[in-house]
């Protein structure tokens, strides 16, 4: 029998039927699921008929990540201390500029910062470990010395870089290779007890956009993340410290990206919080008609709201003030507002 996958059909309407299930302990709910199988037409199933283990994975409240409760959406502000990131490369390579931007992102409404010293844009070259450490660890240490108290995530594929960042005061690991590039990342996460985000990418940044292809992109990415979670658990990393990221734009065409965004709620069945990283990406510019990356905030907000409507917990963005404003309005409309 072909394997079945269960994607909750998520709703956020205030008129919630009795018996509807709460999604991941958060703000959304569902009363039916789309049942998917390879090579078969989808079917709709009442949520009450879900297998017990699937219902548990979909509804179980998620544990806090880096001190952040997952019952409400969270904004992860991007701080690239690189010379070549696709939209802001070179702007914050100077430590003073990086510190100022970190404070500005916090003031704008970020719940957590994600600091990276190696660009993983399409075509990017690998950065030497020592160079990546010299870009990131001093910034994290300086922020902590100044009393910066938001959680900090280190965006790296390399365990040595992650270790230096943790020593400097980082609270989370964000690995776009899901511990494949450097298997020692699993040991670092297990020993430190810090949460880790596992992202799907097809190929390495230098070549990942050459010819990405999938049998079924939604199910293929789901299977990959499920397998990486199992490896992480076997290495001593409990599921409640794992975040998953479908890797929008990492070895995907525009149509692959749209298919993943339409099906985002499937990833709740993995039993982990979901991180969505779409900020300023090329497909937003292509569809929205914004050639310059820093002109894509409106499109980023549109995709972020689509993620919110599917219960996605963490949103990794450049334009924190704009996304925070949109999020506040969305929550006021869906959840109510008190002046």
Protein backbone atom coordinates (compact mmCIF):
# COMPACT_ATOMS: atom_id res chain seq x y z
CA UNK A 1 0.00 0.00 0.00
CA UNK A 2 1.30 3.47 -0.89
CA UNK A 3 2.26 5.68 1.99
CA UNK A 4 -0.33 8.26 3.02
CA UNK A 5 0.41 11.84 3.98
CA UNK A 6 -2.01 14.06 5.90
CA UNK A 7 -2.15 17.79 5.22
CA UNK A 8 -4.49 19.70 7.55
CA UNK A 9 -6.81 22.12 5.78
CA UNK A 10 -6.09 25.02 8.09
CA UNK A 11 -8.52 27.75 9.10
CA UNK A 12 -8.23 30.80 11.33
CA UNK A 13 -11.83 32.02 11.31
CA UNK A 14 -13.27 33.08 14.68
CA UNK A 15 -16.38 30.98 13.94
CA UNK A 16 -14.85 27.66 14.93
CA UNK A 17 -17.02 24.51 14.87
CA UNK A 18 -17.25 22.40 17.98
CA UNK A 19 -14.86 19.49 17.69
CA UNK A 20 -12.35 21.27 15.45
CA UNK A 21 -8.74 20.43 16.31
CA UNK A 22 -6.18 23.05 17.32
CA UNK A 23 -3.13 23.02 15.07
CA UNK A 24 0.15 22.58 16.96
CA UNK A 25 -1.20 24.33 20.05
CA UNK A 26 -1.33 27.61 18.16
CA UNK A 27 -3.76 30.08 16.61
CA UNK A 28 -5.15 27.95 13.78
CA UNK A 29 -7.54 25.00 13.65
CA UNK A 30 -8.76 22.31 11.27
CA UNK A 31 -11.61 19.86 10.95
CA UNK A 32 -10.52 18.05 7.78
CA UNK A 33 -7.31 16.94 6.11
CA UNK A 34 -6.15 16.37 2.57
CA UNK A 35 -4.87 12.81 2.23
CA UNK A 36 -2.01 12.59 -0.26
CA UNK A 37 -0.30 9.60 -1.82
CA UNK A 38 2.16 9.34 -4.69
CA UNK A 39 0.48 8.80 -8.01
CA UNK A 40 -3.03 9.11 -6.58
CA UNK A 41 -5.64 11.83 -6.54
CA UNK A 42 -5.96 13.62 -3.18
CA UNK A 43 -8.91 12.82 -0.92
CA UNK A 44 -10.53 14.76 1.92
CA UNK A 45 -10.87 13.07 5.32
CA UNK A 46 -12.60 14.37 8.46
CA UNK A 47 -10.00 15.15 11.12
CA UNK A 48 -11.90 12.94 13.54
CA UNK A 49 -10.87 9.94 11.42
CA UNK A 50 -7.13 10.62 11.56
CA UNK A 51 -4.81 7.89 12.82
CA UNK A 52 -4.06 8.60 16.48
CA UNK A 53 -0.34 9.21 15.97
CA UNK A 54 -0.99 11.65 13.11
CA UNK A 55 -3.59 13.56 15.11
CA UNK A 56 -1.12 13.80 18.00
CA UNK A 57 1.67 15.13 15.74
CA UNK A 58 -0.65 17.73 14.22
CA UNK A 59 -2.20 18.99 17.44
CA UNK A 60 0.50 18.62 20.10
CA UNK A 61 1.62 22.06 21.39
CA UNK A 62 5.18 22.80 20.33
CA UNK A 63 7.83 23.35 22.98
CA UNK A 64 9.45 26.80 23.22
CA UNK A 65 12.39 27.39 20.88
CA UNK A 66 15.26 29.50 22.23
CA UNK A 67 12.88 30.73 24.92
CA UNK A 68 10.17 31.74 22.45
CA UNK A 69 6.72 30.22 22.87
CA UNK A 70 5.40 28.74 19.64
CA UNK A 71 1.73 29.44 20.36
CA UNK A 72 2.13 32.77 18.50
CA UNK A 73 4.00 33.63 15.29
CA UNK A 74 7.59 34.81 15.67
CA UNK A 75 9.75 37.09 13.50
CA UNK A 76 13.37 36.13 12.87
CA UNK A 77 15.33 39.17 11.72
CA UNK A 78 18.13 38.51 9.22
CA UNK A 79 21.58 39.96 9.85
CA UNK A 80 24.02 38.98 7.10
CA UNK A 81 27.60 39.89 7.95
CA UNK A 82 28.76 38.94 4.47
CA UNK A 83 30.12 40.80 1.45
CA UNK A 84 27.99 38.90 -1.05
CA UNK A 85 24.50 38.03 0.25
CA UNK A 86 21.93 38.47 -2.51
CA UNK A 87 20.06 41.50 -1.14
CA UNK A 88 22.22 43.17 1.51
CA UNK A 89 25.74 41.89 0.92
CA UNK A 90 28.41 44.24 2.26
CA UNK A 91 26.07 46.50 4.23
CA UNK A 92 26.83 45.01 7.64
CA UNK A 93 30.29 43.50 7.20
CA UNK A 94 31.65 46.24 9.49
CA UNK A 95 31.07 45.33 13.15
CA UNK A 96 29.73 48.75 14.09
CA UNK A 97 27.20 48.63 11.23
CA UNK A 98 26.21 45.10 12.21
CA UNK A 99 25.59 46.09 15.82
CA UNK A 100 23.50 49.07 14.76
CA UNK A 101 21.42 46.90 12.43
CA UNK A 102 20.89 44.29 15.15
CA UNK A 103 19.51 46.95 17.49
CA UNK A 104 17.34 48.35 14.70
CA UNK A 105 15.86 44.92 13.94
CA UNK A 106 15.09 44.41 17.64
CA UNK A 107 13.45 47.83 17.86
CA UNK A 108 11.42 47.07 14.72
CA UNK A 109 9.88 43.96 16.28
CA UNK A 110 12.17 40.98 15.76
CA UNK A 111 11.76 38.15 18.26
CA UNK A 112 15.12 36.55 17.37
CA UNK A 113 18.12 37.45 15.20
CA UNK A 114 19.66 35.09 12.66
CA UNK A 115 23.31 36.01 12.05
CA UNK A 116 25.14 34.49 9.10
CA UNK A 117 28.67 34.88 7.76
CA UNK A 118 28.42 32.78 4.58
CA UNK A 119 26.11 33.59 1.70
CA UNK A 120 24.06 30.61 0.51
CA UNK A 121 22.52 32.47 -2.45
CA UNK A 122 22.47 30.57 -5.77
CA UNK A 123 26.01 30.43 -7.17
CA UNK A 124 27.72 31.33 -3.89
CA UNK A 125 31.19 29.97 -3.12
CA UNK A 126 32.03 28.25 0.17
CA UNK A 127 33.64 30.44 2.85
CA UNK A 128 36.58 29.25 4.92
CA UNK A 129 35.66 28.33 8.51
CA UNK A 130 38.07 30.80 10.09
CA UNK A 131 36.76 33.62 7.93
CA UNK A 132 33.15 32.75 8.76
CA UNK A 133 33.97 32.68 12.47
CA UNK A 134 35.73 36.05 12.27
CA UNK A 135 32.62 37.56 10.70
CA UNK A 136 30.06 36.18 13.14
CA UNK A 137 31.43 35.39 16.60
CA UNK A 138 32.73 38.91 17.40
CA UNK A 139 29.36 40.44 16.47
CA UNK A 140 27.49 38.02 18.74
CA UNK A 141 29.96 38.59 21.58
CA UNK A 142 29.70 42.38 21.18
CA UNK A 143 25.91 42.23 21.27
CA UNK A 144 25.97 40.19 24.46
CA UNK A 145 28.54 42.56 25.99
CA UNK A 146 26.12 45.42 25.31
CA UNK A 147 23.29 43.60 27.07
CA UNK A 148 21.40 42.56 23.93
CA UNK A 149 18.86 40.09 25.28
CA UNK A 150 16.97 38.74 22.26
CA UNK A 151 17.75 35.15 21.28
CA UNK A 152 20.40 34.83 18.56
CA UNK A 153 20.56 32.10 15.93
CA UNK A 154 23.75 31.28 14.03
CA UNK A 155 23.14 30.59 10.36
CA UNK A 156 25.89 28.15 9.40
CA UNK A 157 26.56 24.72 7.90
CA UNK A 158 29.76 24.23 9.90
CA UNK A 159 30.10 22.89 13.43
CA UNK A 160 33.24 24.91 14.23
CA UNK A 161 31.43 28.12 13.28
CA UNK A 162 28.43 27.07 15.31
CA UNK A 163 30.59 26.23 18.32
CA UNK A 164 32.32 29.63 18.22
CA UNK A 165 28.93 31.33 17.97
CA UNK A 166 27.59 29.38 20.94
CA UNK A 167 30.66 30.35 22.97
CA UNK A 168 29.95 33.97 22.03
CA UNK A 169 26.32 33.74 23.15
CA UNK A 170 24.18 32.19 20.38
CA UNK A 171 21.00 30.36 21.43
CA UNK A 172 20.09 28.40 18.29
CA UNK A 173 21.66 26.63 15.32
CA UNK A 174 20.26 27.17 11.82
CA UNK A 175 21.75 24.70 9.33
CA UNK A 176 20.64 25.04 5.70
CA UNK A 177 22.19 21.63 4.98
CA UNK A 178 20.27 19.82 7.75
CA UNK A 179 23.59 18.52 9.17
CA UNK A 180 24.65 16.92 5.87
CA UNK A 181 27.45 19.36 5.02
CA UNK A 182 29.09 18.82 8.41
CA UNK A 183 27.76 15.83 10.39
CA UNK A 184 29.48 17.21 13.51
CA UNK A 185 26.61 19.72 13.72
CA UNK A 186 24.53 16.92 15.22
CA UNK A 187 27.03 16.42 18.02
CA UNK A 188 27.16 20.18 18.66
CA UNK A 189 23.37 20.39 18.95
CA UNK A 190 23.23 17.33 21.19
CA UNK A 191 26.01 18.50 23.53
CA UNK A 192 24.87 22.11 23.84
CA UNK A 193 21.18 21.26 24.12
CA UNK A 194 20.35 24.13 21.77
CA UNK A 195 17.53 23.96 19.23
CA UNK A 196 18.48 23.38 15.60
CA UNK A 197 16.67 24.22 12.40
CA UNK A 198 16.97 21.58 9.68
CA UNK A 199 16.40 22.91 6.17
CA UNK A 200 15.89 21.10 2.88
CA UNK A 201 18.17 22.02 -0.02
CA UNK A 202 18.73 20.14 -3.25
CA UNK A 203 22.45 20.40 -4.01
CA UNK A 204 25.02 22.96 -2.89
CA UNK A 205 24.50 26.72 -3.23
CA UNK A 206 26.97 26.98 -6.12
CA UNK A 207 24.96 24.65 -8.37
CA UNK A 208 21.56 24.16 -6.72
CA UNK A 209 19.61 26.20 -9.29
CA UNK A 210 21.15 24.53 -12.36
CA UNK A 211 18.37 22.00 -12.90
CA UNK A 212 16.28 21.25 -9.78
CA UNK A 213 13.78 18.43 -10.23
CA UNK A 214 11.51 16.31 -8.03
CA UNK A 215 9.06 13.45 -8.44
CA UNK A 216 6.67 15.36 -6.14
CA UNK A 217 8.30 18.37 -4.52
CA UNK A 218 5.96 18.55 -1.50
CA UNK A 219 6.25 14.89 -0.61
CA UNK A 220 9.94 14.65 -1.50
CA UNK A 221 10.82 17.55 0.81
CA UNK A 222 8.62 16.08 3.56
CA UNK A 223 10.35 12.69 3.28
CA UNK A 224 13.78 14.32 3.41
CA UNK A 225 12.99 16.33 6.53
CA UNK A 226 11.43 13.31 8.20
CA UNK A 227 14.62 11.33 7.54
CA UNK A 228 16.85 14.13 8.87
CA UNK A 229 14.73 14.40 12.03
CA UNK A 230 15.17 10.66 12.60
CA UNK A 231 18.94 11.02 12.22
CA UNK A 232 18.94 13.95 14.64
CA UNK A 233 16.97 11.95 17.21
CA UNK A 234 19.37 9.04 16.85
CA UNK A 235 22.20 11.49 17.63
CA UNK A 236 20.52 12.59 20.87
CA UNK A 237 18.58 15.65 19.68
CA UNK A 238 14.97 15.40 20.86
CA UNK A 239 12.21 16.35 18.44
CA UNK A 240 11.05 19.19 20.68
CA UNK A 241 14.35 20.99 19.96
CA UNK A 242 14.06 20.65 16.17
CA UNK A 243 12.63 23.22 13.75
CA UNK A 244 11.98 22.34 10.10
CA UNK A 245 12.36 24.55 7.03
CA UNK A 246 11.23 23.44 3.53
CA UNK A 247 13.99 25.57 2.00
CA UNK A 248 12.14 27.87 -0.36
CA UNK A 249 14.49 28.81 -3.21
CA UNK A 250 17.16 26.25 -2.35
CA UNK A 251 17.26 23.98 -5.39
CA UNK A 252 13.69 24.83 -6.43
CA UNK A 253 12.05 26.43 -9.42
CA UNK A 254 9.36 29.07 -9.10
CA UNK A 255 6.69 26.38 -9.48
CA UNK A 256 8.39 24.22 -6.83
CA UNK A 257 8.35 27.18 -4.43
CA UNK A 258 4.66 27.83 -5.02
CA UNK A 259 3.79 24.15 -4.54
CA UNK A 260 5.61 24.11 -1.21
CA UNK A 261 3.95 27.30 0.00
CA UNK A 262 0.50 26.01 -0.99
CA UNK A 263 1.18 22.80 0.93
CA UNK A 264 3.03 24.22 3.95
CA UNK A 265 0.59 22.81 6.48
CA UNK A 266 1.72 19.27 5.60
CA UNK A 267 4.96 19.88 7.51
CA UNK A 268 3.08 20.19 10.81
CA UNK A 269 2.72 16.40 10.64
CA UNK A 270 6.45 16.19 11.44
CA UNK A 271 5.61 17.38 14.96
CA UNK A 272 8.05 20.33 14.91
CA UNK A 273 7.72 24.09 14.50
CA UNK A 274 8.06 25.33 10.92
CA UNK A 275 10.40 28.10 9.79
CA UNK A 276 9.56 29.91 6.54
CA UNK A 277 12.34 31.78 4.76
CA UNK A 278 10.99 33.58 1.69
CA UNK A 279 12.24 37.11 2.30
CA UNK A 280 13.06 39.09 -0.87
CA UNK A 281 13.61 35.91 -2.89
CA UNK A 282 13.73 35.92 -6.67
CA UNK A 283 10.36 34.26 -7.24
CA UNK A 284 8.73 37.14 -5.34
CA UNK A 285 10.39 39.60 -7.68
CA UNK A 286 9.46 37.57 -10.74
CA UNK A 287 5.78 37.29 -9.84
CA UNK A 288 5.48 40.70 -8.19
CA UNK A 289 7.44 42.67 -10.76
CA UNK A 290 10.17 43.86 -8.38
CA UNK A 291 13.61 43.53 -9.94
CA UNK A 292 15.52 44.98 -6.96
CA UNK A 293 15.65 42.62 -3.98
CA UNK A 294 15.07 45.40 -1.46
CA UNK A 295 11.82 46.35 -3.26
CA UNK A 296 10.21 42.98 -2.47
CA UNK A 297 8.86 43.70 1.03
CA UNK A 298 5.20 43.80 -0.14
CA UNK A 299 5.55 40.41 -1.83
CA UNK A 300 7.38 39.03 1.19
CA UNK A 301 4.51 40.18 3.39
CA UNK A 302 1.97 38.50 1.10
CA UNK A 303 3.78 35.15 1.34
CA UNK A 304 4.29 35.59 5.09
CA UNK A 305 0.54 36.06 5.55
CA UNK A 306 -0.04 32.87 3.53
CA UNK A 307 2.28 31.11 5.96
CA UNK A 308 0.49 32.57 8.97
CA UNK A 309 -2.79 31.28 7.60
CA UNK A 310 -1.24 27.79 7.60
CA UNK A 311 0.07 28.01 11.14
CA UNK A 312 3.76 28.60 10.36
CA UNK A 313 5.47 29.65 13.58
CA UNK A 314 8.77 31.34 12.60
CA UNK A 315 9.20 33.82 9.74
CA UNK A 316 12.75 34.71 8.68
CA UNK A 317 12.76 38.18 7.08
CA UNK A 318 14.91 41.20 6.21
CA UNK A 319 12.17 43.83 6.43
CA UNK A 320 11.22 43.36 10.07
CA UNK A 321 9.26 46.59 10.58
CA UNK A 322 7.02 45.98 7.55
CA UNK A 323 6.40 42.33 8.40
CA UNK A 324 5.77 43.10 12.08
CA UNK A 325 3.19 45.72 11.11
CA UNK A 326 1.45 43.32 8.75
CA UNK A 327 1.50 40.57 11.35
CA UNK A 328 -0.08 42.84 13.96
CA UNK A 329 -2.88 43.77 11.57
CA UNK A 330 -3.45 40.14 10.57
CA UNK A 331 -3.68 39.07 14.21
CA UNK A 332 -6.01 41.95 15.09
CA UNK A 333 -8.37 40.92 12.31
CA UNK A 334 -8.27 37.18 13.02
CA UNK A 335 -7.98 37.18 16.81
CA UNK A 336 -9.46 40.50 17.89
CA UNK A 337 -7.99 43.80 19.03
CA UNK A 338 -8.08 45.78 22.25
CA UNK A 339 -6.87 49.40 22.21
